[in-house]
Amino acid sequence: MKAVIEVPAVAGASPPPWPVATMAPGSWLVLDADCADDRVGLFVAALAARIDVQPPGGRDDVVNALLAEEVLIAAGGLQIRDSITGTVVTPGCCAGLEDWRDWVQVLIGDSPWLGHDPGPEVEVIGDDLRVWQDGGPNRHRGRWAGVRIDLPRSALPGLLGGAQRDLVGILDALAGWAARVGVQQKGPALVEAIDRNFAITAPLDAQLPR
């Protein structure tokens, strides 16, 4: 289970004021402590792509706009990968990284909203979970079909804890990146804003019900 954001399309937009990794729009950027500076830069640029930045749109202008924003969001969420088969289930359209904690609902037998088109959904089967890439539409037709990943429900707390550690890791990478691109004075405030908006370091209550 990995925290990811969808790489936005930047056609027609001003180029980011710092180096960013070259990734195809619509692909998934994995967020963890191993992110190099260009990937951290892409993450921050993706956050800024959703807000209005006053011209000239330089480095300080973008950071100031991010800090002034009341709510930061990013298309994405938690991606599931079966390490044996290589099967991957990704967040659906309009899902947001800011809602990654909603996966905790699975522990009490509910499926969180994971986006639409194709409509990922979690089916609870006794003590096991079946995560469907295209669950919603198929379920409404009375059947389940397509790409899926099966896992024991008991594994979910550990997977969520790992995703949280990865998100904490991106905060650490962000702090170092801010210093290296020249926004070190505002680096702590940027880290705090991203932590707060994406509920990263707050305690995670991911316990199996007794």
Foldseek 3Di string as FASTA:
>chain_A
DFWWFFQADQVPHDDQQDAADDDDGRDIQTFFLPDDLNPLSSVLVQQLVVWDFDPPNHPVRSLVRLLPDPATWTHFEDKDADPPPRFIATAEPPAILLCNLVPLVVLVPAWDFRYVDQTWTWHDDPQKIKIANNAPVQVVVPHGDDGIDIDGNVCVVVVVVVNLNRNVSNLVVQQVSCVVVPNNVCSVSSSVSVCVNSVRPPDRPRDRDD
